[in-house]
């Protein structure tokens, strides 16, 4: 990959956080995965709560499918 392609690839990415890199380097791979899974669960719960407040009458099944659709490749056809 040439330099121009690399520059284009990283354009718009946030700068590297050296403190976060140091923290990440000091924990085990299993702990890194667990941390990422906890962050994802938190984001999903926050999104679910926002949907619940915005659409209080939405059935739970539809709410859950909207969360899954937002965070995964799951696609859902309404009938």
PDB file of N, CA and C in Angstrom:
ATOM      1  N   UNK A   1       0.854  -1.173   0.000  1.00  0.00           N
ATOM      2  CA  UNK A   1       0.000   0.000   0.000  1.00  0.00           C
ATOM      3  C   UNK A   1       0.899   1.235   0.000  1.00  0.00           C
ATOM      4  N   UNK A   2       0.605   2.164  -0.878  1.00  0.00           N
ATOM      5  CA  UNK A   2       1.451   3.352  -0.956  1.00  0.00           C
ATOM      6  C   UNK A   2       1.023   4.400   0.075  1.00  0.00           C
ATOM      7  N   UNK A   3       1.857   5.393   0.247  1.00  0.00           N
ATOM      8  CA  UNK A   3       1.639   6.424   1.263  1.00  0.00           C
ATOM      9  C   UNK A   3       0.308   7.151   1.068  1.00  0.00           C
ATOM     10  N   UNK A   4      -0.035   7.500  -0.158  1.00  0.00           N
ATOM     11  CA  UNK A   4      -1.290   8.215  -0.429  1.00  0.00           C
ATOM     12  C   UNK A   4      -2.492   7.370  -0.023  1.00  0.00           C
ATOM     13  N   UNK A   5      -2.436   6.066  -0.277  1.00  0.00           N
ATOM     14  CA  UNK A   5      -3.541   5.184   0.094  1.00  0.00           C
ATOM     15  C   UNK A   5      -3.686   5.103   1.612  1.00  0.00           C
ATOM     16  N   UNK A   6      -2.571   5.069   2.327  1.00  0.00           N
ATOM     17  CA  UNK A   6      -2.613   5.028   3.794  1.00  0.00           C
ATOM     18  C   UNK A   6      -3.175   6.332   4.340  1.00  0.00           C
ATOM     19  N   UNK A   7      -2.751   7.458   3.794  1.00  0.00           N
ATOM     20  CA  UNK A   7      -3.262   8.757   4.241  1.00  0.00           C
ATOM     21  C   UNK A   7      -4.769   8.826   4.030  1.00  0.00           C
ATOM     22  N   UNK A   8      -5.236   8.363   2.876  1.00  0.00           N
ATOM     23  CA  UNK A   8      -6.671   8.372   2.593  1.00  0.00           C
ATOM     24  C   UNK A   8      -7.421   7.451   3.555  1.00  0.00           C
ATOM     25  N   UNK A   9      -6.822   6.327   3.875  1.00  0.00           N
ATOM     26  CA  UNK A   9      -7.447   5.349   4.770  1.00  0.00           C
ATOM     27  C   UNK A   9      -7.651   5.911   6.169  1.00  0.00           C
ATOM     28  N   UNK A  10      -6.683   6.640   6.692  1.00  0.00           N
ATOM     29  CA  UNK A  10      -6.765   7.132   8.069  1.00  0.00           C
ATOM     30  C   UNK A  10      -7.361   8.534   8.190  1.00  0.00           C
ATOM     31  N   UNK A  11      -7.671   9.154   7.058  1.00  0.00           N
ATOM     32  CA  UNK A  11      -8.261  10.492   7.097  1.00  0.00           C
ATOM     33  C   UNK A  11      -9.574  10.461   7.891  1.00  0.00           C
ATOM     34  N   UNK A  12      -9.715  11.375   8.807  1.00  0.00           N
ATOM     35  CA  UNK A  12     -10.945  11.467   9.578  1.00  0.00           C
ATOM     36  C   UNK A  12     -10.952  10.623  10.846  1.00  0.00           C
ATOM     37  N   UNK A  13      -9.953   9.780  11.043  1.00  0.00           N
ATOM     38  CA  UNK A  13      -9.897   9.000  12.278  1.00  0.00           C
ATOM     39  C   UNK A  13      -9.436   9.888  13.423  1.00  0.00           C
ATOM     40  N   UNK A  14      -9.876   9.568  14.619  1.00  0.00           N
ATOM     41  CA  UNK A  14      -9.435  10.305  15.795  1.00  0.00           C
ATOM     42  C   UNK A  14      -7.946  10.064  16.021  1.00  0.00           C
ATOM     43  N   UNK A  15      -7.249  11.042  16.585  1.00  0.00           N
ATOM     44  CA  UNK A  15      -5.826  10.838  16.866  1.00  0.00           C
ATOM     45  C   UNK A  15      -5.638   9.759  17.937  1.00  0.00           C
ATOM     46  N   UNK A  16      -4.466   9.156  17.950  1.00  0.00           N
ATOM     47  CA  UNK A  16      -4.149   8.108  18.917  1.00  0.00           C
ATOM     48  C   UNK A  16      -4.070   8.719  20.315  1.00  0.00           C
ATOM     49  N   UNK A  17      -4.668   8.041  21.280  1.00  0.00           N
ATOM     50  CA  UNK A  17      -4.633   8.481  22.670  1.00  0.00           C
ATOM     51  C   UNK A  17      -3.551   7.665  23.386  1.00  0.00           C
ATOM     52  N   UNK A  18      -2.406   8.270  23.709  1.00  0.00           N
ATOM     53  CA  UNK A  18      -1.318   7.499  24.313  1.00  0.00           C
ATOM     54  C   UNK A  18      -1.676   6.908  25.674  1.00  0.00           C
ATOM     55  N   UNK A  19      -2.499   7.579  26.434  1.00  0.00           N
ATOM     56  CA  UNK A  19      -2.910   7.040  27.744  1.00  0.00           C
ATOM     57  C   UNK A  19      -3.757   5.794  27.553  1.00  0.00           C
ATOM     58  N   UNK A  20      -4.703   5.855  26.618  1.00  0.00           N
ATOM     59  CA  UNK A  20      -5.541   4.681  26.343  1.00  0.00           C
ATOM     60  C   UNK A  20      -4.691   3.522  25.821  1.00  0.00           C
ATOM     61  N   UNK A  21      -3.722   3.811  24.976  1.00  0.00           N
ATOM     62  CA  UNK A  21      -2.828   2.768  24.475  1.00  0.00           C
ATOM     63  C   UNK A  21      -2.052   2.107  25.616  1.00  0.00           C
ATOM     64  N   UNK A  22      -1.561   2.905  26.557  1.00  0.00           N
ATOM     65  CA  UNK A  22      -0.822   2.371  27.694  1.00  0.00           C
ATOM     66  C   UNK A  22      -1.720   1.482  28.555  1.00  0.00           C
ATOM     67  N   UNK A  23      -2.940   1.929  28.811  1.00  0.00           N
ATOM     68  CA  UNK A  23      -3.885   1.128  29.604  1.00  0.00           C
ATOM     69  C   UNK A  23      -4.174  -0.185  28.897  1.00  0.00           C
ATOM     70  N   UNK A  24      -4.448  -0.114  27.607  1.00  0.00           N
ATOM     71  CA  UNK A  24      -4.763  -1.310  26.826  1.00  0.00           C
ATOM     72  C   UNK A  24      -3.591  -2.279  26.785  1.00  0.00           C
ATOM     73  N   UNK A  25      -2.383  -1.756  26.691  1.00  0.00           N
ATOM     74  CA  UNK A  25      -1.200  -2.621  26.625  1.00  0.00           C
ATOM     75  C   UNK A  25      -0.961  -3.361  27.937  1.00  0.00           C
ATOM     76  N   UNK A  26      -1.425  -2.797  29.041  1.00  0.00           N
ATOM     77  CA  UNK A  26      -1.174  -3.389  30.360  1.00  0.00           C
ATOM     78  C   UNK A  26      -2.189  -4.453  30.766  1.00  0.00           C
ATOM     79  N   UNK A  27      -3.235  -4.667  29.986  1.00  0.00           N
ATOM     80  CA  UNK A  27      -4.225  -5.677  30.365  1.00  0.00           C
ATOM     81  C   UNK A  27      -4.151  -6.875  29.423  1.00  0.00           C
ATOM     82  N   UNK A  28      -4.671  -7.990  29.893  1.00  0.00           N
ATOM     83  CA  UNK A  28      -4.610  -9.220  29.104  1.00  0.00           C
ATOM     84  C   UNK A  28      -5.565  -9.135  27.912  1.00  0.00           C
ATOM     85  N   UNK A  29      -5.334  -9.962  26.894  1.00  0.00           N
ATOM     86  CA  UNK A  29      -6.262  -9.993  25.757  1.00  0.00           C
ATOM     87  C   UNK A  29      -7.704 -10.317  26.193  1.00  0.00           C
ATOM     88  N   UNK A  30      -7.848 -11.215  27.142  1.00  0.00           N
ATOM     89  CA  UNK A  30      -9.195 -11.560  27.627  1.00  0.00           C
ATOM     90  C   UNK A  30      -9.861 -10.346  28.272  1.00  0.00           C
ATOM     91  N   UNK A  31      -9.101  -9.576  29.045  1.00  0.00           N
ATOM     92  CA  UNK A  31      -9.659  -8.387  29.685  1.00  0.00           C
ATOM     93  C   UNK A  31     -10.013  -7.323  28.648  1.00  0.00           C
ATOM     94  N   UNK A  32      -9.226  -7.226  27.566  1.00  0.00           N
ATOM     95  CA  UNK A  32      -9.554  -6.281  26.492  1.00  0.00           C
ATOM     96  C   UNK A  32     -10.887  -6.631  25.850  1.00  0.00           C
ATOM     97  N   UNK A  33     -11.077  -7.918  25.606  1.00  0.00           N
ATOM     98  CA  UNK A  33     -12.336  -8.368  25.000  1.00  0.00           C
ATOM     99  C   UNK A  33     -13.497  -8.100  25.938  1.00  0.00           C
ATOM    100  N   UNK A  34     -13.322  -8.425  27.212  1.00  0.00           N
ATOM    101  CA  UNK A  34     -14.380  -8.191  28.193  1.00  0.00           C
ATOM    102  C   UNK A  34     -14.728  -6.708  28.288  1.00  0.00           C
ATOM    103  N   UNK A  35     -13.706  -5.866  28.261  1.00  0.00           N
ATOM    104  CA  UNK A  35     -13.933  -4.421  28.306  1.00  0.00           C
ATOM    105  C   UNK A  35     -14.736  -3.954  27.091  1.00  0.00           C
ATOM    106  N   UNK A  36     -14.382  -4.455  25.930  1.00  0.00           N
ATOM    107  CA  UNK A  36     -15.112  -4.088  24.707  1.00  0.00           C
ATOM    108  C   UNK A  36     -16.556  -4.578  24.766  1.00  0.00           C
ATOM    109  N   UNK A  37     -16.748  -5.791  25.269  1.00  0.00           N
ATOM    110  CA  UNK A  37     -18.111  -6.331  25.372  1.00  0.00           C
ATOM    111  C   UNK A  37     -18.949  -5.511  26.349  1.00  0.00           C
ATOM    112  N   UNK A  38     -18.346  -5.086  27.457  1.00  0.00           N
ATOM    113  CA  UNK A  38     -19.070  -4.253  28.418  1.00  0.00           C
ATOM    114  C   UNK A  38     -19.418  -2.890  27.820  1.00  0.00           C
ATOM    115  N   UNK A  39     -18.503  -2.318  27.047  1.00  0.00           N
ATOM    116  CA  UNK A  39     -18.778  -1.030  26.404  1.00  0.00           C
ATOM    117  C   UNK A  39     -19.921  -1.169  25.404  1.00  0.00           C
ATOM    118  N   UNK A  40     -19.919  -2.270  24.664  1.00  0.00           N
ATOM    119  CA  UNK A  40     -20.994  -2.502  23.689  1.00  0.00           C
ATOM    120  C   UNK A  40     -22.338  -2.685  24.393  1.00  0.00           C
ATOM    121  N   UNK A  41     -22.342  -3.439  25.486  1.00  0.00           N
ATOM    122  CA  UNK A  41     -23.582  -3.651  26.242  1.00  0.00           C
ATOM    123  C   UNK A  41     -24.105  -2.323  26.793  1.00  0.00           C
ATOM    124  N   UNK A  42     -23.200  -1.481  27.276  1.00  0.00           N
ATOM    125  CA  UNK A  42     -23.599  -0.167  27.786  1.00  0.00           C
ATOM    126  C   UNK A  42     -24.216   0.678  26.666  1.00  0.00           C
ATOM    127  N   UNK A  43     -23.573   0.694  25.500  1.00  0.00           N
ATOM    128  CA  UNK A  43     -24.090   1.481  24.376  1.00  0.00           C
ATOM    129  C   UNK A  43     -25.462   0.975  23.939  1.00  0.00           C
ATOM    130  N   UNK A  44     -25.626  -0.348  23.909  1.00  0.00           N
ATOM    131  CA  UNK A  44     -26.916  -0.916  23.513  1.00  0.00           C
ATOM    132  C   UNK A  44     -28.000  -0.563  24.531  1.00  0.00           C
ATOM    133  N   UNK A  45     -27.663  -0.616  25.817  1.00  0.00           N
ATOM    134  CA  UNK A  45     -28.638  -0.275  26.858  1.00  0.00           C
ATOM    135  C   UNK A  45     -29.023   1.198  26.784  1.00  0.00           C
ATOM    136  N   UNK A  46     -28.044   2.063  26.527  1.00  0.00           N
ATOM    137  CA  UNK A  46     -28.334   3.496  26.411  1.00  0.00           C
ATOM    138  C   UNK A  46     -29.243   3.764  25.209  1.00  0.00           C
ATOM    139  N   UNK A  47     -28.960   3.115  24.096  1.00  0.00           N
ATOM    140  CA  UNK A  47     -29.787   3.284  22.897  1.00  0.00           C
ATOM    141  C   UNK A  47     -31.197   2.755  23.144  1.00  0.00           C
ATOM    142  N   UNK A  48     -31.286   1.589  23.804  1.00  0.00           N
ATOM    143  CA  UNK A  48     -32.592   1.006  24.115  1.00  0.00           C
ATOM    144  C   UNK A  48     -33.402   1.944  25.019  1.00  0.00           C
ATOM    145  N   UNK A  49     -32.733   2.527  26.013  1.00  0.00           N
ATOM    146  CA  UNK A  49     -33.411   3.469  26.905  1.00  0.00           C
ATOM    147  C   UNK A  49     -33.900   4.704  26.162  1.00  0.00           C
ATOM    148  N   UNK A  50     -33.083   5.202  25.241  1.00  0.00           N
ATOM    149  CA  UNK A  50     -33.491   6.374  24.454  1.00  0.00           C
ATOM    150  C   UNK A  50     -34.703   6.047  23.588  1.00  0.00           C
ATOM    151  N   UNK A  51     -34.693   4.856  22.975  1.00  0.00           N
ATOM    152  CA  UNK A  51     -35.854   4.449  22.173  1.00  0.00           C
ATOM    153  C   UNK A  51     -37.101   4.319  23.041  1.00  0.00           C
ATOM    154  N   UNK A  52     -36.933   3.734  24.225  1.00  0.00           N
ATOM    155  CA  UNK A  52     -38.078   3.534  25.129  1.00  0.00           C
ATOM    156  C   UNK A  52     -38.677   4.878  25.534  1.00  0.00           C
ATOM    157  N   UNK A  53     -37.815   5.871  25.817  1.00  0.00           N
ATOM    158  CA  UNK A  53     -38.333   7.196  26.181  1.00  0.00           C
ATOM    159  C   UNK A  53     -39.010   7.873  25.000  1.00  0.00           C
ATOM    160  N   UNK A  54     -38.441   7.700  23.811  1.00  0.00           N
ATOM    161  CA  UNK A  54     -39.005   8.360  22.628  1.00  0.00           C
ATOM    162  C   UNK A  54     -40.285   7.682  22.143  1.00  0.00           C
ATOM    163  N   UNK A  55     -40.335   6.356  22.271  1.00  0.00           N
ATOM    164  CA  UNK A  55     -41.486   5.592  21.801  1.00  0.00           C
ATOM    165  C   UNK A  55     -42.008   4.694  22.930  1.00  0.00           C
ATOM    166  N   UNK A  56     -42.658   5.269  23.942  1.00  0.00           N
ATOM    167  CA  UNK A  56     -43.066   4.479  25.114  1.00  0.00           C
ATOM    168  C   UNK A  56     -44.083   3.377  24.799  1.00  0.00           C
ATOM    169  N   UNK A  57     -44.813   3.502  23.710  1.00  0.00           N
ATOM    170  CA  UNK A  57     -45.819   2.492  23.372  1.00  0.00           C
ATOM    171  C   UNK A  57     -45.276   1.374  22.490  1.00  0.00           C
ATOM    172  N   UNK A  58     -44.000   1.452  22.098  1.00  0.00           N
ATOM    173  CA  UNK A  58     -43.433   0.438  21.213  1.00  0.00           C
ATOM    174  C   UNK A  58     -43.373  -0.915  21.929  1.00  0.00           C
ATOM    175  N   UNK A  59     -43.864  -1.967  21.273  1.00  0.00           N
ATOM    176  CA  UNK A  59     -43.773  -3.302  21.881  1.00  0.00           C
ATOM    177  C   UNK A  59     -42.310  -3.699  22.137  1.00  0.00           C
ATOM    178  N   UNK A  60     -42.093  -4.461  23.194  1.00  0.00           N
ATOM    179  CA  UNK A  60     -40.737  -4.854  23.583  1.00  0.00           C
ATOM    180  C   UNK A  60     -40.026  -5.589  22.450  1.00  0.00           C
ATOM    181  N   UNK A  61     -40.722  -6.475  21.753  1.00  0.00           N
ATOM    182  CA  UNK A  61     -40.091  -7.225  20.657  1.00  0.00           C
ATOM    183  C   UNK A  61     -39.598  -6.282  19.568  1.00  0.00           C
ATOM    184  N   UNK A  62     -40.391  -5.282  19.222  1.00  0.00           N
ATOM    185  CA  UNK A  62     -39.972  -4.331  18.191  1.00  0.00           C
ATOM    186  C   UNK A  62     -38.806  -3.481  18.684  1.00  0.00           C
ATOM    187  N   UNK A  63     -38.862  -3.068  19.940  1.00  0.00           N
ATOM    188  CA  UNK A  63     -37.769  -2.298  20.526  1.00  0.00           C
ATOM    189  C   UNK A  63     -36.459  -3.082  20.455  1.00  0.00           C
ATOM    190  N   UNK A  64     -36.502  -4.344  20.852  1.00  0.00           N
ATOM    191  CA  UNK A  64     -35.307  -5.183  20.820  1.00  0.00           C
ATOM    192  C   UNK A  64     -34.789  -5.373  19.394  1.00  0.00           C
ATOM    193  N   UNK A  65     -35.686  -5.541  18.440  1.00  0.00           N
ATOM    194  CA  UNK A  65     -35.259  -5.707  17.055  1.00  0.00           C
ATOM    195  C   UNK A  65     -34.627  -4.426  16.518  1.00  0.00           C
ATOM    196  N   UNK A  66     -35.147  -3.281  16.911  1.00  0.00           N
ATOM    197  CA  UNK A  66     -34.546  -2.014  16.470  1.00  0.00           C
ATOM    198  C   UNK A  66     -33.142  -1.847  17.030  1.00  0.00           C
ATOM    199  N   UNK A  67     -32.951  -2.251  18.288  1.00  0.00           N
ATOM    200  CA  UNK A  67     -31.615  -2.189  18.885  1.00  0.00           C
ATOM    201  C   UNK A  67     -30.672  -3.128  18.132  1.00  0.00           C
ATOM    202  N   UNK A  68     -31.103  -4.356  17.889  1.00  0.00           N
ATOM    203  CA  UNK A  68     -30.271  -5.306  17.154  1.00  0.00           C
ATOM    204  C   UNK A  68     -29.952  -4.805  15.751  1.00  0.00           C
ATOM    205  N   UNK A  69     -30.940  -4.233  15.089  1.00  0.00           N
ATOM    206  CA  UNK A  69     -30.738  -3.705  13.742  1.00  0.00           C
ATOM    207  C   UNK A  69     -29.703  -2.584  13.748  1.00  0.00           C
ATOM    208  N   UNK A  70     -29.742  -1.758  14.779  1.00  0.00           N
ATOM    209  CA  UNK A  70     -28.813  -0.635  14.867  1.00  0.00           C
ATOM    210  C   UNK A  70     -27.374  -1.100  15.129  1.00  0.00           C
ATOM    211  N   UNK A  71     -27.202  -2.126  15.944  1.00  0.00           N
ATOM    212  CA  UNK A  71     -25.864  -2.535  16.380  1.00  0.00           C
ATOM    213  C   UNK A  71     -25.297  -3.751  15.656  1.00  0.00           C
ATOM    214  N   UNK A  72     -26.075  -4.400  14.811  1.00  0.00           N
ATOM    215  CA  UNK A  72     -25.592  -5.595  14.119  1.00  0.00           C
ATOM    216  C   UNK A  72     -26.011  -5.550  12.660  1.00  0.00           C
ATOM    217  N   UNK A  73     -25.719  -6.625  11.959  1.00  0.00           N
ATOM    218  CA  UNK A  73     -26.141  -6.746  10.564  1.00  0.00           C
ATOM    219  C   UNK A  73     -27.517  -7.377  10.448  1.00  0.00           C
ATOM    220  N   UNK A  74     -28.190  -7.590  11.566  1.00  0.00           N
ATOM    221  CA  UNK A  74     -29.525  -8.180  11.547  1.00  0.00           C
ATOM    222  C   UNK A  74     -30.465  -7.222  10.818  1.00  0.00           C
ATOM    223  N   UNK A  75     -31.219  -7.742   9.892  1.00  0.00           N
ATOM    224  CA  UNK A  75     -32.224  -6.947   9.190  1.00  0.00           C
ATOM    225  C   UNK A  75     -33.561  -7.638   9.380  1.00  0.00           C
ATOM    226  N   UNK A  76     -34.576  -6.837   9.545  1.00  0.00           N
ATOM    227  CA  UNK A  76     -35.876  -7.330   9.961  1.00  0.00           C
ATOM    228  C   UNK A  76     -36.945  -6.761   9.065  1.00  0.00           C
ATOM    229  N   UNK A  77     -37.807  -7.648   8.574  1.00  0.00           N
ATOM    230  CA  UNK A  77     -38.916  -7.213   7.733  1.00  0.00           C
ATOM    231  C   UNK A  77     -40.170  -7.158   8.577  1.00  0.00           C
ATOM    232  N   UNK A  78     -40.798  -5.991   8.596  1.00  0.00           N
ATOM    233  CA  UNK A  78     -42.065  -5.859   9.315  1.00  0.00           C
ATOM    234  C   UNK A  78     -43.165  -6.471   8.476  1.00  0.00           C
ATOM    235  N   UNK A  79     -44.095  -7.072   9.142  1.00  0.00           N
ATOM    236  CA  UNK A  79     -45.231  -7.659   8.421  1.00  0.00           C
ATOM    237  C   UNK A  79     -46.463  -6.803   8.571  1.00  0.00           C
TER     238      UNK A  79
END
